[in-house]
């Protein structure tokens, strides 16, 4: 659990960290929507280059970025196996009994794995380069038009900020409970899937109890400091767009145009099909 870094802030003095949080939220949202519409290796390559470029400019170590994928590595493996075994196509590679493996299924499974990995890395970079307070201010500013219909914008922003802040805390708490249960003789690593699932009960119960206790303590602390979501609240740091934000928006626009055009200058899908043809 210590190796999972999603939801943590990585402090560096990079140009990405200095960008307006509203712009980073909009770019992340556009990136997530784009991931679900692309379906070629060329587009996935450009998405990977986009993520690596942001990580390099933001001075985020590649090892730290890859740690964010560990939380979904089992899901990636499961989806890959399911697609390989059950996806039907026109190019049969191997068949036994009712199991048939097609080249189409292997390529589709690779694409789905890349989609899930890149989908996790995008929001992870957002949390690495933006503090929870900046995320709260950015979400509140973007949702401010909903105040006209009496939507609790500030409350929603605070809830999202606290949820992101509590991810590393809950992971650390889970690790401590697991080590404590193992010290008491609990067997968490052997047996079949059902045994391991049953062995998680002594971990989940104290974890939920501790989470509710932390929530109650946080609510009391906020209440003791007279915290409320009044419309007259002031901010220490006001958000404003600068030239750097405009430049970043233009770069993302160019990247978006390249992916939508699918860059037919070199088609990786055709190259891969040609290798196996």
C-alpha atoms as a PDB file:
ATOM      1  CA  UNK A   1       0.000   0.000   0.000  1.00  0.00           C
ATOM      2  CA  UNK A   2       2.958   2.341   0.541  1.00  0.00           C
ATOM      3  CA  UNK A   3       3.806   2.056  -3.156  1.00  0.00           C
ATOM      4  CA  UNK A   4       0.446   3.468  -4.293  1.00  0.00           C
ATOM      5  CA  UNK A   5       0.859   7.183  -4.900  1.00  0.00           C
ATOM      6  CA  UNK A   6      -2.485   8.204  -6.418  1.00  0.00           C
ATOM      7  CA  UNK A   7      -3.977  11.243  -4.681  1.00  0.00           C
ATOM      8  CA  UNK A   8      -0.651  12.519  -3.344  1.00  0.00           C
ATOM      9  CA  UNK A   9       0.873  15.913  -4.083  1.00  0.00           C
ATOM     10  CA  UNK A  10       4.450  15.972  -5.382  1.00  0.00           C
ATOM     11  CA  UNK A  11       5.882  19.442  -4.612  1.00  0.00           C
ATOM     12  CA  UNK A  12       8.255  20.894  -7.192  1.00  0.00           C
ATOM     13  CA  UNK A  13       8.739  24.370  -8.599  1.00  0.00           C
ATOM     14  CA  UNK A  14       7.775  23.464 -12.161  1.00  0.00           C
ATOM     15  CA  UNK A  15       5.738  25.378 -14.779  1.00  0.00           C
ATOM     16  CA  UNK A  16       2.994  22.728 -14.542  1.00  0.00           C
ATOM     17  CA  UNK A  17       2.602  23.332 -10.809  1.00  0.00           C
ATOM     18  CA  UNK A  18       2.218  27.067 -11.431  1.00  0.00           C
ATOM     19  CA  UNK A  19      -0.643  26.703 -13.920  1.00  0.00           C
ATOM     20  CA  UNK A  20      -4.142  27.740 -12.934  1.00  0.00           C
ATOM     21  CA  UNK A  21      -5.958  24.774 -11.331  1.00  0.00           C
ATOM     22  CA  UNK A  22      -9.087  25.517 -13.399  1.00  0.00           C
ATOM     23  CA  UNK A  23      -7.103  25.045 -16.606  1.00  0.00           C
ATOM     24  CA  UNK A  24      -5.589  21.806 -15.319  1.00  0.00           C
ATOM     25  CA  UNK A  25      -9.036  20.522 -14.388  1.00  0.00           C
ATOM     26  CA  UNK A  26     -10.415  21.347 -17.849  1.00  0.00           C
ATOM     27  CA  UNK A  27      -7.423  19.763 -19.597  1.00  0.00           C
ATOM     28  CA  UNK A  28      -7.765  16.625 -17.459  1.00  0.00           C
ATOM     29  CA  UNK A  29     -11.475  16.425 -18.222  1.00  0.00           C
ATOM     30  CA  UNK A  30     -10.806  16.841 -21.956  1.00  0.00           C
ATOM     31  CA  UNK A  31      -8.079  14.194 -21.783  1.00  0.00           C
ATOM     32  CA  UNK A  32     -10.416  11.704 -20.074  1.00  0.00           C
ATOM     33  CA  UNK A  33     -13.160  12.267 -22.646  1.00  0.00           C
ATOM     34  CA  UNK A  34     -10.630  11.908 -25.471  1.00  0.00           C
ATOM     35  CA  UNK A  35      -9.360   8.578 -24.125  1.00  0.00           C
ATOM     36  CA  UNK A  36     -12.815   7.023 -24.594  1.00  0.00           C
ATOM     37  CA  UNK A  37     -13.063   8.129 -28.232  1.00  0.00           C
ATOM     38  CA  UNK A  38      -9.706   6.976 -29.583  1.00  0.00           C
ATOM     39  CA  UNK A  39      -9.177   3.430 -30.796  1.00  0.00           C
ATOM     40  CA  UNK A  40      -5.823   3.230 -32.602  1.00  0.00           C
ATOM     41  CA  UNK A  41      -2.275   2.584 -31.486  1.00  0.00           C
ATOM     42  CA  UNK A  42      -1.209   5.865 -33.055  1.00  0.00           C
ATOM     43  CA  UNK A  43      -3.600   7.807 -30.830  1.00  0.00           C
ATOM     44  CA  UNK A  44      -2.532   5.863 -27.746  1.00  0.00           C
ATOM     45  CA  UNK A  45       1.097   6.643 -28.591  1.00  0.00           C
ATOM     46  CA  UNK A  46       0.323  10.367 -28.700  1.00  0.00           C
ATOM     47  CA  UNK A  47      -1.532  10.123 -25.378  1.00  0.00           C
ATOM     48  CA  UNK A  48       1.472   8.382 -23.808  1.00  0.00           C
ATOM     49  CA  UNK A  49       3.826  11.038 -25.192  1.00  0.00           C
ATOM     50  CA  UNK A  50       1.519  13.737 -23.827  1.00  0.00           C
ATOM     51  CA  UNK A  51       1.581  12.179 -20.342  1.00  0.00           C
ATOM     52  CA  UNK A  52       5.367  11.698 -20.404  1.00  0.00           C
ATOM     53  CA  UNK A  53       5.902  15.285 -21.563  1.00  0.00           C
ATOM     54  CA  UNK A  54       3.796  16.668 -18.710  1.00  0.00           C
ATOM     55  CA  UNK A  55       5.656  14.439 -16.238  1.00  0.00           C
ATOM     56  CA  UNK A  56       9.038  15.664 -17.509  1.00  0.00           C
ATOM     57  CA  UNK A  57       8.039  19.336 -17.502  1.00  0.00           C
ATOM     58  CA  UNK A  58       6.385  18.910 -14.095  1.00  0.00           C
ATOM     59  CA  UNK A  59       9.506  17.124 -12.772  1.00  0.00           C
ATOM     60  CA  UNK A  60       7.491  14.109 -11.689  1.00  0.00           C
ATOM     61  CA  UNK A  61       9.709  10.985 -11.551  1.00  0.00           C
ATOM     62  CA  UNK A  62       8.599   8.235 -13.901  1.00  0.00           C
ATOM     63  CA  UNK A  63       8.741   5.755 -11.029  1.00  0.00           C
ATOM     64  CA  UNK A  64       6.279   7.844  -9.031  1.00  0.00           C
ATOM     65  CA  UNK A  65       3.971   8.128 -12.034  1.00  0.00           C
ATOM     66  CA  UNK A  66       4.014   4.369 -12.629  1.00  0.00           C
ATOM     67  CA  UNK A  67       3.177   3.747  -8.971  1.00  0.00           C
ATOM     68  CA  UNK A  68      -0.231   5.307  -9.592  1.00  0.00           C
ATOM     69  CA  UNK A  69      -1.055   2.380 -11.916  1.00  0.00           C
ATOM     70  CA  UNK A  70      -0.422  -0.238  -9.214  1.00  0.00           C
ATOM     71  CA  UNK A  71      -3.880   0.334  -7.741  1.00  0.00           C
ATOM     72  CA  UNK A  72      -5.531  -0.929 -10.955  1.00  0.00           C
ATOM     73  CA  UNK A  73      -2.939  -3.456 -12.140  1.00  0.00           C
ATOM     74  CA  UNK A  74      -5.215  -6.394 -11.236  1.00  0.00           C
ATOM     75  CA  UNK A  75      -8.091  -4.821 -13.166  1.00  0.00           C
ATOM     76  CA  UNK A  76      -5.792  -4.311 -16.182  1.00  0.00           C
ATOM     77  CA  UNK A  77      -4.721  -7.954 -16.048  1.00  0.00           C
ATOM     78  CA  UNK A  78      -8.298  -9.197 -15.641  1.00  0.00           C
ATOM     79  CA  UNK A  79      -9.626  -7.126 -18.571  1.00  0.00           C
ATOM     80  CA  UNK A  80      -6.710  -8.259 -20.765  1.00  0.00           C
ATOM     81  CA  UNK A  81      -7.330 -11.957 -20.070  1.00  0.00           C
ATOM     82  CA  UNK A  82     -11.078 -11.651 -20.645  1.00  0.00           C
ATOM     83  CA  UNK A  83     -10.613  -9.883 -23.984  1.00  0.00           C
ATOM     84  CA  UNK A  84      -7.985 -12.361 -25.187  1.00  0.00           C
ATOM     85  CA  UNK A  85     -10.148 -15.377 -24.351  1.00  0.00           C
ATOM     86  CA  UNK A  86     -13.574 -14.168 -25.457  1.00  0.00           C
ATOM     87  CA  UNK A  87     -13.041 -11.587 -28.209  1.00  0.00           C
ATOM     88  CA  UNK A  88     -13.904 -13.033 -31.612  1.00  0.00           C
ATOM     89  CA  UNK A  89     -12.278 -11.985 -34.862  1.00  0.00           C
ATOM     90  CA  UNK A  90     -11.195 -13.120 -38.292  1.00  0.00           C
ATOM     91  CA  UNK A  91      -7.578 -14.132 -37.652  1.00  0.00           C
ATOM     92  CA  UNK A  92      -7.519 -17.317 -35.553  1.00  0.00           C
ATOM     93  CA  UNK A  93      -4.181 -18.024 -33.838  1.00  0.00           C
ATOM     94  CA  UNK A  94      -4.949 -20.942 -31.548  1.00  0.00           C
ATOM     95  CA  UNK A  95      -7.978 -23.014 -30.608  1.00  0.00           C
ATOM     96  CA  UNK A  96      -8.663 -25.734 -28.054  1.00  0.00           C
ATOM     97  CA  UNK A  97     -12.082 -27.060 -27.046  1.00  0.00           C
ATOM     98  CA  UNK A  98     -14.275 -23.950 -26.608  1.00  0.00           C
ATOM     99  CA  UNK A  99     -11.370 -21.558 -26.196  1.00  0.00           C
ATOM    100  CA  UNK A 100     -10.209 -19.641 -29.268  1.00  0.00           C
ATOM    101  CA  UNK A 101      -7.583 -16.936 -29.354  1.00  0.00           C
ATOM    102  CA  UNK A 102      -7.681 -14.447 -32.216  1.00  0.00           C
ATOM    103  CA  UNK A 103      -5.152 -11.857 -33.262  1.00  0.00           C
ATOM    104  CA  UNK A 104      -8.003  -9.336 -33.172  1.00  0.00           C
ATOM    105  CA  UNK A 105      -8.618 -10.180 -29.519  1.00  0.00           C
ATOM    106  CA  UNK A 106      -4.957  -9.755 -28.551  1.00  0.00           C
ATOM    107  CA  UNK A 107      -4.721  -6.353 -30.209  1.00  0.00           C
ATOM    108  CA  UNK A 108      -8.039  -5.258 -28.703  1.00  0.00           C
ATOM    109  CA  UNK A 109      -6.899  -6.417 -25.238  1.00  0.00           C
ATOM    110  CA  UNK A 110      -3.688  -4.393 -25.580  1.00  0.00           C
ATOM    111  CA  UNK A 111      -5.704  -1.326 -26.539  1.00  0.00           C
ATOM    112  CA  UNK A 112      -8.045  -1.712 -23.544  1.00  0.00           C
ATOM    113  CA  UNK A 113      -5.075  -2.135 -21.182  1.00  0.00           C
ATOM    114  CA  UNK A 114      -3.424   0.995 -22.604  1.00  0.00           C
ATOM    115  CA  UNK A 115      -6.696   2.898 -22.278  1.00  0.00           C
ATOM    116  CA  UNK A 116      -7.076   2.006 -18.607  1.00  0.00           C
ATOM    117  CA  UNK A 117      -3.431   2.747 -17.769  1.00  0.00           C
ATOM    118  CA  UNK A 118      -3.480   6.124 -19.530  1.00  0.00           C
ATOM    119  CA  UNK A 119      -6.857   6.892 -17.966  1.00  0.00           C
ATOM    120  CA  UNK A 120      -5.353   6.498 -14.495  1.00  0.00           C
ATOM    121  CA  UNK A 121      -2.171   8.435 -15.257  1.00  0.00           C
ATOM    122  CA  UNK A 122      -3.994  11.592 -16.388  1.00  0.00           C
ATOM    123  CA  UNK A 123      -5.854  12.323 -13.113  1.00  0.00           C
ATOM    124  CA  UNK A 124      -2.791  11.125 -11.166  1.00  0.00           C
ATOM    125  CA  UNK A 125      -0.719  13.890 -12.768  1.00  0.00           C
ATOM    126  CA  UNK A 126      -3.422  16.357 -11.757  1.00  0.00           C
ATOM    127  CA  UNK A 127      -3.107  15.395  -8.087  1.00  0.00           C
ATOM    128  CA  UNK A 128       0.707  15.301  -8.307  1.00  0.00           C
ATOM    129  CA  UNK A 129       0.884  18.890  -9.573  1.00  0.00           C
ATOM    130  CA  UNK A 130      -2.051  20.503  -7.730  1.00  0.00           C
ATOM    131  CA  UNK A 131      -2.589  20.870  -4.006  1.00  0.00           C
ATOM    132  CA  UNK A 132      -5.964  19.866  -2.503  1.00  0.00           C
ATOM    133  CA  UNK A 133      -6.660  23.516  -1.679  1.00  0.00           C
ATOM    134  CA  UNK A 134      -6.045  24.557  -5.287  1.00  0.00           C
ATOM    135  CA  UNK A 135      -8.302  21.753  -6.509  1.00  0.00           C
ATOM    136  CA  UNK A 136     -11.025  22.948  -4.159  1.00  0.00           C
ATOM    137  CA  UNK A 137     -10.769  26.532  -5.419  1.00  0.00           C
ATOM    138  CA  UNK A 138     -10.655  25.370  -9.043  1.00  0.00           C
ATOM    139  CA  UNK A 139     -13.727  23.130  -8.764  1.00  0.00           C
ATOM    140  CA  UNK A 140     -15.635  25.825  -6.903  1.00  0.00           C
ATOM    141  CA  UNK A 141     -14.763  28.425  -9.539  1.00  0.00           C
ATOM    142  CA  UNK A 142     -15.748  26.160 -12.446  1.00  0.00           C
ATOM    143  CA  UNK A 143     -19.045  25.204 -10.802  1.00  0.00           C
ATOM    144  CA  UNK A 144     -19.867  28.756  -9.664  1.00  0.00           C
ATOM    145  CA  UNK A 145     -22.565  29.253 -12.394  1.00  0.00           C
ATOM    146  CA  UNK A 146     -24.586  26.532 -10.629  1.00  0.00           C
ATOM    147  CA  UNK A 147     -24.992  28.834  -7.633  1.00  0.00           C
ATOM    148  CA  UNK A 148     -27.833  30.461  -9.553  1.00  0.00           C
ATOM    149  CA  UNK A 149     -29.945  27.329  -8.986  1.00  0.00           C
ATOM    150  CA  UNK A 150     -28.868  27.117  -5.307  1.00  0.00           C
ATOM    151  CA  UNK A 151     -26.453  24.235  -5.908  1.00  0.00           C
ATOM    152  CA  UNK A 152     -24.040  23.785  -2.933  1.00  0.00           C
ATOM    153  CA  UNK A 153     -20.908  24.407  -4.988  1.00  0.00           C
ATOM    154  CA  UNK A 154     -18.566  25.105  -2.085  1.00  0.00           C
ATOM    155  CA  UNK A 155     -19.721  22.035  -0.153  1.00  0.00           C
ATOM    156  CA  UNK A 156     -19.116  19.767  -3.148  1.00  0.00           C
ATOM    157  CA  UNK A 157     -15.651  21.256  -3.710  1.00  0.00           C
ATOM    158  CA  UNK A 158     -14.701  20.750  -0.057  1.00  0.00           C
ATOM    159  CA  UNK A 159     -15.958  17.150  -0.113  1.00  0.00           C
ATOM    160  CA  UNK A 160     -13.858  16.390  -3.198  1.00  0.00           C
ATOM    161  CA  UNK A 161     -10.800  17.998  -1.648  1.00  0.00           C
ATOM    162  CA  UNK A 162     -11.147  16.047   1.600  1.00  0.00           C
ATOM    163  CA  UNK A 163     -11.689  12.794  -0.312  1.00  0.00           C
ATOM    164  CA  UNK A 164      -8.455  13.295  -2.279  1.00  0.00           C
ATOM    165  CA  UNK A 165      -6.598  14.249   0.877  1.00  0.00           C
ATOM    166  CA  UNK A 166      -7.786  11.123   2.704  1.00  0.00           C
ATOM    167  CA  UNK A 167      -6.648   8.629   0.044  1.00  0.00           C
ATOM    168  CA  UNK A 168      -3.005   8.461   1.245  1.00  0.00           C
ATOM    169  CA  UNK A 169      -4.179   8.484   4.874  1.00  0.00           C
ATOM    170  CA  UNK A 170      -6.518   5.529   4.364  1.00  0.00           C
ATOM    171  CA  UNK A 171      -3.797   3.629   2.509  1.00  0.00           C
ATOM    172  CA  UNK A 172      -1.384   4.180   5.378  1.00  0.00           C
ATOM    173  CA  UNK A 173      -4.063   3.106   7.864  1.00  0.00           C
ATOM    174  CA  UNK A 174      -4.736  -0.051   5.835  1.00  0.00           C
ATOM    175  CA  UNK A 175      -1.040  -0.916   5.875  1.00  0.00           C
ATOM    176  CA  UNK A 176      -0.842  -0.454   9.646  1.00  0.00           C
ATOM    177  CA  UNK A 177      -3.920  -2.620  10.274  1.00  0.00           C
ATOM    178  CA  UNK A 178      -2.591  -5.339   7.944  1.00  0.00           C
ATOM    179  CA  UNK A 179       0.766  -5.451   9.732  1.00  0.00           C
ATOM    180  CA  UNK A 180      -0.984  -5.526  13.132  1.00  0.00           C
ATOM    181  CA  UNK A 181      -3.221  -8.427  12.077  1.00  0.00           C
ATOM    182  CA  UNK A 182      -0.236 -10.356  10.709  1.00  0.00           C
ATOM    183  CA  UNK A 183       1.593  -9.775  14.009  1.00  0.00           C
ATOM    184  CA  UNK A 184      -1.388 -11.390  15.762  1.00  0.00           C
ATOM    185  CA  UNK A 185      -1.094 -14.485  13.550  1.00  0.00           C
ATOM    186  CA  UNK A 186      -3.639 -13.638  10.830  1.00  0.00           C
ATOM    187  CA  UNK A 187      -3.024 -15.501   7.563  1.00  0.00           C
ATOM    188  CA  UNK A 188      -3.777 -13.068   4.732  1.00  0.00           C
ATOM    189  CA  UNK A 189      -1.594 -14.443   1.930  1.00  0.00           C
ATOM    190  CA  UNK A 190      -2.524 -18.124   1.581  1.00  0.00           C
ATOM    191  CA  UNK A 191      -5.612 -20.040   0.516  1.00  0.00           C
ATOM    192  CA  UNK A 192      -8.015 -19.612  -2.399  1.00  0.00           C
ATOM    193  CA  UNK A 193      -9.805 -16.425  -3.403  1.00  0.00           C
ATOM    194  CA  UNK A 194     -12.708 -16.954  -0.985  1.00  0.00           C
ATOM    195  CA  UNK A 195     -10.364 -17.555   1.954  1.00  0.00           C
ATOM    196  CA  UNK A 196      -8.419 -14.413   1.195  1.00  0.00           C
ATOM    197  CA  UNK A 197     -11.632 -12.417   0.850  1.00  0.00           C
ATOM    198  CA  UNK A 198     -12.817 -13.722   4.227  1.00  0.00           C
ATOM    199  CA  UNK A 199      -9.426 -12.872   5.767  1.00  0.00           C
ATOM    200  CA  UNK A 200      -9.933  -9.222   4.749  1.00  0.00           C
ATOM    201  CA  UNK A 201     -12.836  -8.810   7.189  1.00  0.00           C
ATOM    202  CA  UNK A 202     -10.515  -8.167  10.206  1.00  0.00           C
ATOM    203  CA  UNK A 203      -8.923  -5.411   8.097  1.00  0.00           C
ATOM    204  CA  UNK A 204     -12.038  -3.796   6.638  1.00  0.00           C
ATOM    205  CA  UNK A 205     -13.942  -3.525   9.940  1.00  0.00           C
ATOM    206  CA  UNK A 206     -11.308  -1.451  11.832  1.00  0.00           C
ATOM    207  CA  UNK A 207     -10.580   0.499   8.633  1.00  0.00           C
ATOM    208  CA  UNK A 208     -14.216   1.607   8.321  1.00  0.00           C
ATOM    209  CA  UNK A 209     -14.412   2.341  12.052  1.00  0.00           C
ATOM    210  CA  UNK A 210     -11.270   4.459  11.829  1.00  0.00           C
ATOM    211  CA  UNK A 211     -12.555   6.259   8.720  1.00  0.00           C
ATOM    212  CA  UNK A 212     -15.808   7.217  10.445  1.00  0.00           C
ATOM    213  CA  UNK A 213     -13.877   8.306  13.537  1.00  0.00           C
ATOM    214  CA  UNK A 214     -11.618  10.535  11.416  1.00  0.00           C
ATOM    215  CA  UNK A 215     -14.660  12.009   9.662  1.00  0.00           C
ATOM    216  CA  UNK A 216     -16.310  12.764  13.000  1.00  0.00           C
ATOM    217  CA  UNK A 217     -13.142  14.373  14.371  1.00  0.00           C
ATOM    218  CA  UNK A 218     -12.731  16.459  11.217  1.00  0.00           C
ATOM    219  CA  UNK A 219     -16.351  17.620  11.411  1.00  0.00           C
ATOM    220  CA  UNK A 220     -15.892  18.627  15.064  1.00  0.00           C
ATOM    221  CA  UNK A 221     -12.648  20.476  14.250  1.00  0.00           C
ATOM    222  CA  UNK A 222     -14.298  22.399  11.415  1.00  0.00           C
ATOM    223  CA  UNK A 223     -17.290  23.221  13.610  1.00  0.00           C
ATOM    224  CA  UNK A 224     -15.031  24.374  16.464  1.00  0.00           C
ATOM    225  CA  UNK A 225     -13.350  26.801  14.069  1.00  0.00           C
ATOM    226  CA  UNK A 226     -16.753  28.135  12.948  1.00  0.00           C
ATOM    227  CA  UNK A 227     -16.216  26.879   9.414  1.00  0.00           C
ATOM    228  CA  UNK A 228     -19.194  27.321   7.100  1.00  0.00           C
ATOM    229  CA  UNK A 229     -19.920  27.826   3.421  1.00  0.00           C
ATOM    230  CA  UNK A 230     -21.146  31.406   3.581  1.00  0.00           C
ATOM    231  CA  UNK A 231     -21.134  33.362   0.293  1.00  0.00           C
ATOM    232  CA  UNK A 232     -18.989  36.106   1.870  1.00  0.00           C
ATOM    233  CA  UNK A 233     -15.910  33.945   2.387  1.00  0.00           C
ATOM    234  CA  UNK A 234     -12.647  35.493   1.201  1.00  0.00           C
ATOM    235  CA  UNK A 235      -9.630  33.723  -0.275  1.00  0.00           C
ATOM    236  CA  UNK A 236      -5.964  34.236   0.506  1.00  0.00           C
ATOM    237  CA  UNK A 237      -4.934  33.386  -3.071  1.00  0.00           C
ATOM    238  CA  UNK A 238      -7.101  34.567  -5.957  1.00  0.00           C
ATOM    239  CA  UNK A 239      -7.147  32.529  -9.150  1.00  0.00           C
ATOM    240  CA  UNK A 240      -6.267  34.244 -12.415  1.00  0.00           C
ATOM    241  CA  UNK A 241      -5.193  33.125 -15.875  1.00  0.00           C
ATOM    242  CA  UNK A 242      -1.752  34.165 -17.096  1.00  0.00           C
ATOM    243  CA  UNK A 243       0.310  33.879 -20.250  1.00  0.00           C
ATOM    244  CA  UNK A 244       1.592  30.500 -19.155  1.00  0.00           C
ATOM    245  CA  UNK A 245      -1.983  29.219 -18.947  1.00  0.00           C
ATOM    246  CA  UNK A 246      -2.712  30.521 -22.451  1.00  0.00           C
ATOM    247  CA  UNK A 247       0.410  28.802 -23.806  1.00  0.00           C
ATOM    248  CA  UNK A 248      -0.546  25.518 -22.086  1.00  0.00           C
ATOM    249  CA  UNK A 249      -4.073  25.763 -23.520  1.00  0.00           C
ATOM    250  CA  UNK A 250      -2.675  26.230 -27.034  1.00  0.00           C
ATOM    251  CA  UNK A 251      -0.348  23.242 -26.609  1.00  0.00           C
ATOM    252  CA  UNK A 252      -3.258  21.072 -25.485  1.00  0.00           C
ATOM    253  CA  UNK A 253      -5.319  22.324 -28.427  1.00  0.00           C
ATOM    254  CA  UNK A 254      -2.553  21.284 -30.849  1.00  0.00           C
ATOM    255  CA  UNK A 255      -2.291  17.883 -29.164  1.00  0.00           C
ATOM    256  CA  UNK A 256      -6.056  17.454 -29.340  1.00  0.00           C
ATOM    257  CA  UNK A 257      -6.096  18.313 -33.048  1.00  0.00           C
ATOM    258  CA  UNK A 258      -3.301  15.828 -33.768  1.00  0.00           C
ATOM    259  CA  UNK A 259      -5.091  13.004 -31.985  1.00  0.00           C
ATOM    260  CA  UNK A 260      -8.446  13.759 -33.632  1.00  0.00           C
ATOM    261  CA  UNK A 261      -6.773  13.817 -37.058  1.00  0.00           C
ATOM    262  CA  UNK A 262      -5.255  10.440 -36.035  1.00  0.00           C
ATOM    263  CA  UNK A 263      -1.938  11.316 -37.750  1.00  0.00           C
ATOM    264  CA  UNK A 264      -2.113   9.184 -40.871  1.00  0.00           C
ATOM    265  CA  UNK A 265       1.536  10.006 -41.615  1.00  0.00           C
ATOM    266  CA  UNK A 266       2.360   6.703 -39.910  1.00  0.00           C
ATOM    267  CA  UNK A 267      -0.337   4.205 -39.043  1.00  0.00           C
ATOM    268  CA  UNK A 268       0.807   1.826 -36.290  1.00  0.00           C
ATOM    269  CA  UNK A 269      -2.305  -0.340 -36.666  1.00  0.00           C
ATOM    270  CA  UNK A 270      -1.518  -1.058 -40.310  1.00  0.00           C
ATOM    271  CA  UNK A 271       2.121  -1.738 -39.410  1.00  0.00           C
ATOM    272  CA  UNK A 272       1.169  -4.233 -36.685  1.00  0.00           C
ATOM    273  CA  UNK A 273      -1.334  -5.999 -38.948  1.00  0.00           C
ATOM    274  CA  UNK A 274       1.336  -6.171 -41.622  1.00  0.00           C
ATOM    275  CA  UNK A 275       3.794  -7.871 -39.255  1.00  0.00           C
ATOM    276  CA  UNK A 276       1.335 -10.634 -38.396  1.00  0.00           C
ATOM    277  CA  UNK A 277      -0.212 -10.996 -41.854  1.00  0.00           C
END
